[in-house]
Amino acid sequence: MQYKEMTQTVIGCAYRVYNTMGFGFLESVYEKCLLIELAKAGLRAESQKPIDVYYEKHLVGKFVADIVVEDRIILELKSTRELAVTHEVQLVNYLTATRLDVGLLLNFGPDKVEVKRKVRNLNDNHN
């Protein structure tokens, strides 16, 4: 499955969750609901995946990705009134640390699901 098709499927799953749950739950609730929808869509997803962060060849830290889909796309979930630049920077840093190329920031906001797509390596085909 190409990145474009996979991200469209993930976004569709997020909208199904939002249409059922609405706004106001903790991120962990949306995460569990999204995992159910991703599985129904035939996508393999790992929740709360630990990621090592390296500086040169030295392990300097760890973070936990909300969801990693098919070992190719990082999902960072939020449930806030509006996204901040720091949320986008966080996702870009996760992409850099993992060397994955595509990430989606999904905010289950008061009016809709807000989606920000971030791409680390523009030289590859992300269609």
N, C-alpha and C. Protein backbone atom coordinates (compact mmCIF):
# COMPACT_ATOMS: atom_id res chain seq x y z
N MET A 1 0.85 -1.18 0.00
CA MET A 1 0.00 0.00 0.00
C MET A 1 0.90 1.24 0.00
N GLN A 2 0.62 2.18 -0.87
CA GLN A 2 1.37 3.43 -0.97
C GLN A 2 1.06 4.34 0.22
N TYR A 3 1.97 5.29 0.49
CA TYR A 3 1.76 6.22 1.60
C TYR A 3 0.44 6.98 1.48
N LYS A 4 0.15 7.46 0.28
CA LYS A 4 -1.06 8.26 0.09
C LYS A 4 -2.30 7.46 0.47
N GLU A 5 -2.39 6.24 -0.03
CA GLU A 5 -3.54 5.38 0.27
C GLU A 5 -3.59 5.05 1.77
N MET A 6 -2.43 4.78 2.35
CA MET A 6 -2.39 4.42 3.77
C MET A 6 -2.80 5.61 4.64
N THR A 7 -2.30 6.80 4.32
CA THR A 7 -2.67 7.97 5.13
C THR A 7 -4.15 8.29 4.96
N GLN A 8 -4.69 8.11 3.76
CA GLN A 8 -6.12 8.33 3.56
C GLN A 8 -6.95 7.35 4.39
N THR A 9 -6.49 6.12 4.46
CA THR A 9 -7.19 5.11 5.26
C THR A 9 -7.14 5.48 6.74
N VAL A 10 -5.97 5.89 7.22
CA VAL A 10 -5.82 6.29 8.62
C VAL A 10 -6.72 7.48 8.94
N ILE A 11 -6.74 8.47 8.06
CA ILE A 11 -7.57 9.65 8.29
C ILE A 11 -9.05 9.27 8.29
N GLY A 12 -9.44 8.39 7.41
CA GLY A 12 -10.82 7.89 7.40
C GLY A 12 -11.17 7.21 8.72
N CYS A 13 -10.25 6.43 9.24
CA CYS A 13 -10.46 5.78 10.53
C CYS A 13 -10.62 6.81 11.65
N ALA A 14 -9.81 7.86 11.61
CA ALA A 14 -9.89 8.92 12.62
C ALA A 14 -11.25 9.61 12.56
N TYR A 15 -11.75 9.85 11.36
CA TYR A 15 -13.07 10.47 11.22
C TYR A 15 -14.18 9.56 11.74
N ARG A 16 -14.05 8.26 11.50
CA ARG A 16 -15.06 7.33 12.02
C ARG A 16 -15.08 7.37 13.55
N VAL A 17 -13.89 7.41 14.16
CA VAL A 17 -13.81 7.50 15.62
C VAL A 17 -14.46 8.79 16.09
N TYR A 18 -14.12 9.90 15.44
CA TYR A 18 -14.66 11.19 15.87
C TYR A 18 -16.18 11.25 15.70
N ASN A 19 -16.67 10.72 14.60
CA ASN A 19 -18.12 10.73 14.36
C ASN A 19 -18.88 9.93 15.40
N THR A 20 -18.23 8.93 15.97
CA THR A 20 -18.86 8.11 17.01
C THR A 20 -18.66 8.71 18.40
N MET A 21 -17.44 9.18 18.68
CA MET A 21 -17.09 9.60 20.05
C MET A 21 -17.26 11.10 20.30
N GLY A 22 -17.09 11.91 19.26
CA GLY A 22 -17.15 13.36 19.46
C GLY A 22 -15.92 13.88 20.18
N PHE A 23 -16.02 15.07 20.74
CA PHE A 23 -14.91 15.75 21.41
C PHE A 23 -15.02 15.58 22.92
N GLY A 24 -13.86 15.60 23.58
CA GLY A 24 -13.85 15.69 25.03
C GLY A 24 -13.27 14.52 25.78
N PHE A 25 -12.86 13.47 25.08
CA PHE A 25 -12.25 12.34 25.76
C PHE A 25 -10.73 12.53 25.85
N LEU A 26 -10.11 11.76 26.72
CA LEU A 26 -8.65 11.75 26.81
C LEU A 26 -8.07 11.14 25.53
N GLU A 27 -6.83 11.52 25.24
CA GLU A 27 -6.14 10.97 24.06
C GLU A 27 -6.11 9.45 24.10
N SER A 28 -5.97 8.87 25.28
CA SER A 28 -5.88 7.42 25.40
C SER A 28 -7.16 6.73 24.92
N VAL A 29 -8.30 7.37 25.11
CA VAL A 29 -9.57 6.81 24.63
C VAL A 29 -9.59 6.82 23.10
N TYR A 30 -9.23 7.95 22.51
CA TYR A 30 -9.18 8.04 21.05
C TYR A 30 -8.17 7.04 20.48
N GLU A 31 -7.06 6.87 21.18
CA GLU A 31 -6.03 5.92 20.73
C GLU A 31 -6.60 4.51 20.66
N LYS A 32 -7.29 4.08 21.70
CA LYS A 32 -7.86 2.72 21.71
C LYS A 32 -8.93 2.56 20.64
N CYS A 33 -9.75 3.57 20.46
CA CYS A 33 -10.78 3.53 19.40
C CYS A 33 -10.13 3.47 18.03
N LEU A 34 -9.08 4.26 17.83
CA LEU A 34 -8.40 4.29 16.53
C LEU A 34 -7.73 2.96 16.23
N LEU A 35 -7.18 2.31 17.24
CA LEU A 35 -6.58 0.99 17.04
C LEU A 35 -7.62 -0.01 16.53
N ILE A 36 -8.83 0.07 17.06
CA ILE A 36 -9.91 -0.81 16.61
C ILE A 36 -10.23 -0.53 15.14
N GLU A 37 -10.36 0.74 14.78
CA GLU A 37 -10.67 1.11 13.40
C GLU A 37 -9.55 0.73 12.44
N LEU A 38 -8.31 0.92 12.85
CA LEU A 38 -7.18 0.55 11.99
C LEU A 38 -7.16 -0.94 11.74
N ALA A 39 -7.43 -1.74 12.76
CA ALA A 39 -7.48 -3.19 12.60
C ALA A 39 -8.61 -3.58 11.65
N LYS A 40 -9.78 -2.93 11.79
CA LYS A 40 -10.90 -3.21 10.89
C LYS A 40 -10.54 -2.87 9.44
N ALA A 41 -9.66 -1.87 9.27
CA ALA A 41 -9.24 -1.46 7.93
C ALA A 41 -8.10 -2.33 7.39
N GLY A 42 -7.66 -3.30 8.20
CA GLY A 42 -6.61 -4.20 7.75
C GLY A 42 -5.20 -3.67 7.92
N LEU A 43 -5.03 -2.64 8.75
CA LEU A 43 -3.70 -2.07 8.99
C LEU A 43 -3.15 -2.56 10.33
N ARG A 44 -1.89 -2.94 10.31
CA ARG A 44 -1.20 -3.34 11.54
C ARG A 44 -0.71 -2.09 12.25
N ALA A 45 -1.06 -1.97 13.52
CA ALA A 45 -0.69 -0.77 14.27
C ALA A 45 -0.20 -1.16 15.66
N GLU A 46 0.86 -0.48 16.09
CA GLU A 46 1.41 -0.69 17.43
C GLU A 46 1.15 0.56 18.27
N SER A 47 0.63 0.34 19.45
CA SER A 47 0.32 1.43 20.37
C SER A 47 1.43 1.60 21.39
N GLN A 48 1.71 2.86 21.72
CA GLN A 48 2.71 3.18 22.75
C GLN A 48 4.04 2.48 22.48
N LYS A 49 4.51 2.63 21.25
CA LYS A 49 5.74 1.98 20.81
C LYS A 49 6.96 2.76 21.31
N PRO A 50 7.83 2.11 22.10
CA PRO A 50 9.05 2.80 22.57
C PRO A 50 10.04 3.00 21.43
N ILE A 51 10.63 4.18 21.39
CA ILE A 51 11.59 4.54 20.34
C ILE A 51 12.85 5.09 21.01
N ASP A 52 14.00 4.56 20.61
CA ASP A 52 15.27 5.08 21.10
C ASP A 52 15.68 6.30 20.28
N VAL A 53 16.27 7.28 20.93
CA VAL A 53 16.76 8.49 20.27
C VAL A 53 18.28 8.49 20.37
N TYR A 54 18.92 8.65 19.22
CA TYR A 54 20.38 8.65 19.17
C TYR A 54 20.92 10.00 18.75
N TYR A 55 22.05 10.35 19.31
CA TYR A 55 22.85 11.47 18.85
C TYR A 55 24.15 10.85 18.38
N GLU A 56 24.42 10.99 17.09
CA GLU A 56 25.51 10.28 16.46
C GLU A 56 25.28 8.79 16.76
N LYS A 57 26.16 8.13 17.44
CA LYS A 57 25.95 6.70 17.74
C LYS A 57 25.61 6.47 19.21
N HIS A 58 25.25 7.54 19.92
CA HIS A 58 25.01 7.44 21.35
C HIS A 58 23.52 7.52 21.67
N LEU A 59 23.05 6.57 22.46
CA LEU A 59 21.67 6.60 22.92
C LEU A 59 21.54 7.76 23.91
N VAL A 60 20.65 8.72 23.60
CA VAL A 60 20.53 9.91 24.44
C VAL A 60 19.14 10.07 25.04
N GLY A 61 18.23 9.21 24.66
CA GLY A 61 16.89 9.33 25.23
C GLY A 61 15.94 8.34 24.61
N LYS A 62 14.71 8.42 25.09
CA LYS A 62 13.65 7.56 24.59
C LYS A 62 12.37 8.36 24.53
N PHE A 63 11.48 7.97 23.66
CA PHE A 63 10.13 8.51 23.67
C PHE A 63 9.19 7.39 23.29
N VAL A 64 7.93 7.63 23.47
CA VAL A 64 6.92 6.63 23.15
C VAL A 64 5.99 7.23 22.10
N ALA A 65 5.94 6.57 20.94
CA ALA A 65 5.04 7.01 19.87
C ALA A 65 3.63 6.54 20.20
N ASP A 66 2.65 7.40 20.01
CA ASP A 66 1.26 7.01 20.28
C ASP A 66 0.90 5.77 19.49
N ILE A 67 1.05 5.84 18.16
CA ILE A 67 0.75 4.70 17.30
C ILE A 67 1.73 4.72 16.12
N VAL A 68 2.22 3.55 15.76
CA VAL A 68 3.01 3.38 14.54
C VAL A 68 2.25 2.40 13.66
N VAL A 69 1.95 2.81 12.43
CA VAL A 69 1.16 2.02 11.50
C VAL A 69 2.08 1.36 10.47
N GLU A 70 2.00 0.04 10.41
CA GLU A 70 2.75 -0.75 9.41
C GLU A 70 4.25 -0.44 9.43
N ASP A 71 4.78 -0.05 10.58
CA ASP A 71 6.20 0.32 10.71
C ASP A 71 6.61 1.42 9.73
N ARG A 72 5.63 2.23 9.27
CA ARG A 72 5.91 3.24 8.26
C ARG A 72 5.42 4.64 8.60
N ILE A 73 4.36 4.73 9.37
CA ILE A 73 3.75 6.04 9.65
C ILE A 73 3.57 6.20 11.16
N ILE A 74 4.03 7.33 11.68
CA ILE A 74 3.83 7.66 13.09
C ILE A 74 2.56 8.49 13.22
N LEU A 75 1.73 8.13 14.19
CA LEU A 75 0.54 8.92 14.51
C LEU A 75 0.74 9.54 15.87
N GLU A 76 0.61 10.84 15.93
CA GLU A 76 0.65 11.58 17.19
C GLU A 76 -0.76 12.09 17.42
N LEU A 77 -1.37 11.67 18.52
CA LEU A 77 -2.76 12.01 18.79
C LEU A 77 -2.86 13.12 19.83
N LYS A 78 -3.79 14.02 19.60
CA LYS A 78 -4.09 15.09 20.54
C LYS A 78 -5.60 15.20 20.71
N SER A 79 -6.00 15.74 21.83
CA SER A 79 -7.40 16.07 22.07
C SER A 79 -7.42 17.42 22.77
N THR A 80 -7.31 18.46 21.94
CA THR A 80 -7.18 19.81 22.47
C THR A 80 -8.02 20.77 21.63
N ARG A 81 -8.29 21.92 22.17
CA ARG A 81 -9.11 22.90 21.45
C ARG A 81 -8.44 23.34 20.16
N GLU A 82 -7.11 23.49 20.18
CA GLU A 82 -6.38 23.82 18.96
C GLU A 82 -4.95 23.34 19.05
N LEU A 83 -4.39 23.00 17.91
CA LEU A 83 -3.01 22.55 17.85
C LEU A 83 -2.05 23.72 17.99
N ALA A 84 -0.90 23.45 18.54
CA ALA A 84 0.17 24.44 18.67
C ALA A 84 1.34 24.01 17.80
N VAL A 85 2.20 24.94 17.48
CA VAL A 85 3.39 24.64 16.68
C VAL A 85 4.23 23.57 17.37
N THR A 86 4.26 23.58 18.70
CA THR A 86 5.05 22.59 19.43
C THR A 86 4.58 21.16 19.15
N HIS A 87 3.30 20.97 18.89
CA HIS A 87 2.79 19.64 18.55
C HIS A 87 3.38 19.18 17.22
N GLU A 88 3.46 20.08 16.25
CA GLU A 88 4.03 19.75 14.95
C GLU A 88 5.52 19.48 15.06
N VAL A 89 6.22 20.28 15.85
CA VAL A 89 7.66 20.09 16.05
C VAL A 89 7.93 18.74 16.71
N GLN A 90 7.09 18.37 17.66
CA GLN A 90 7.21 17.07 18.32
C GLN A 90 7.14 15.95 17.29
N LEU A 91 6.19 16.00 16.38
CA LEU A 91 6.05 14.97 15.37
C LEU A 91 7.26 14.94 14.44
N VAL A 92 7.73 16.09 14.03
CA VAL A 92 8.92 16.15 13.16
C VAL A 92 10.12 15.53 13.88
N ASN A 93 10.28 15.81 15.16
CA ASN A 93 11.38 15.22 15.93
C ASN A 93 11.24 13.70 15.99
N TYR A 94 10.02 13.20 16.14
CA TYR A 94 9.79 11.76 16.15
C TYR A 94 10.18 11.15 14.81
N LEU A 95 9.86 11.82 13.72
CA LEU A 95 10.24 11.33 12.40
C LEU A 95 11.75 11.29 12.26
N THR A 96 12.42 12.32 12.74
CA THR A 96 13.87 12.37 12.67
C THR A 96 14.48 11.24 13.49
N ALA A 97 13.96 11.03 14.69
CA ALA A 97 14.51 10.00 15.58
C ALA A 97 14.32 8.59 15.03
N THR A 98 13.18 8.35 14.41
CA THR A 98 12.87 7.01 13.92
C THR A 98 13.36 6.77 12.50
N ARG A 99 13.65 7.85 11.80
CA ARG A 99 14.00 7.82 10.38
C ARG A 99 12.82 7.35 9.52
N LEU A 100 11.62 7.41 10.09
CA LEU A 100 10.42 7.17 9.29
C LEU A 100 10.14 8.46 8.52
N ASP A 101 9.47 8.33 7.40
CA ASP A 101 9.31 9.48 6.53
C ASP A 101 7.99 10.21 6.66
N VAL A 102 6.95 9.55 7.14
CA VAL A 102 5.63 10.17 7.16
C VAL A 102 5.03 10.08 8.56
N GLY A 103 4.44 11.20 8.97
CA GLY A 103 3.74 11.24 10.25
C GLY A 103 2.45 12.03 10.12
N LEU A 104 1.47 11.65 10.92
CA LEU A 104 0.20 12.38 10.96
C LEU A 104 -0.05 12.84 12.38
N LEU A 105 -0.31 14.12 12.51
CA LEU A 105 -0.75 14.70 13.77
C LEU A 105 -2.27 14.77 13.69
N LEU A 106 -2.95 14.05 14.56
CA LEU A 106 -4.41 13.97 14.54
C LEU A 106 -4.96 14.57 15.82
N ASN A 107 -5.68 15.68 15.68
CA ASN A 107 -6.29 16.32 16.83
C ASN A 107 -7.79 16.09 16.81
N PHE A 108 -8.28 15.42 17.84
CA PHE A 108 -9.71 15.21 18.01
C PHE A 108 -10.26 16.44 18.72
N GLY A 109 -10.46 17.51 17.94
CA GLY A 109 -10.81 18.82 18.46
C GLY A 109 -12.30 19.01 18.68
N PRO A 110 -12.69 20.23 19.09
CA PRO A 110 -14.09 20.48 19.44
C PRO A 110 -15.05 20.41 18.25
N ASP A 111 -14.57 20.71 17.04
CA ASP A 111 -15.47 20.76 15.89
C ASP A 111 -15.25 19.66 14.86
N LYS A 112 -14.03 19.08 14.85
CA LYS A 112 -13.68 18.10 13.82
C LYS A 112 -12.33 17.48 14.16
N VAL A 113 -11.94 16.53 13.33
CA VAL A 113 -10.59 16.00 13.40
C VAL A 113 -9.70 16.91 12.57
N GLU A 114 -8.68 17.43 13.19
CA GLU A 114 -7.70 18.26 12.48
C GLU A 114 -6.50 17.38 12.15
N VAL A 115 -6.05 17.44 10.90
CA VAL A 115 -4.97 16.58 10.44
C VAL A 115 -3.82 17.43 9.91
N LYS A 116 -2.62 17.13 10.39
CA LYS A 116 -1.40 17.75 9.86
C LYS A 116 -0.50 16.60 9.41
N ARG A 117 -0.09 16.63 8.16
CA ARG A 117 0.79 15.60 7.61
C ARG A 117 2.20 16.16 7.54
N LYS A 118 3.15 15.40 8.05
CA LYS A 118 4.55 15.80 8.01
C LYS A 118 5.35 14.74 7.27
N VAL A 119 6.27 15.21 6.41
CA VAL A 119 7.10 14.32 5.62
C VAL A 119 8.56 14.68 5.90
N ARG A 120 9.35 13.66 6.25
CA ARG A 120 10.75 13.89 6.59
C ARG A 120 11.63 13.92 5.36
N ASN A 121 11.40 13.02 4.41
CA ASN A 121 12.29 12.87 3.27
C ASN A 121 11.49 13.05 1.99
N LEU A 122 11.63 14.20 1.38
CA LEU A 122 10.85 14.51 0.18
C LEU A 122 11.39 13.85 -1.08
N ASN A 123 12.55 13.21 -1.01
CA ASN A 123 13.12 12.58 -2.19
C ASN A 123 12.45 11.28 -2.55
N ASP A 124 11.81 10.63 -1.57
CA ASP A 124 11.15 9.35 -1.83
C ASP A 124 9.75 9.60 -2.36
N ASN A 125 9.15 8.56 -2.90
CA ASN A 125 7.78 8.64 -3.42
C ASN A 125 6.81 8.41 -2.27
N HIS A 126 6.03 9.43 -1.94
CA HIS A 126 5.08 9.33 -0.83
C HIS A 126 3.65 9.41 -1.33
N ASN A 127 3.42 8.96 -2.53
CA ASN A 127 2.07 9.00 -3.10
C ASN A 127 1.21 7.89 -2.56
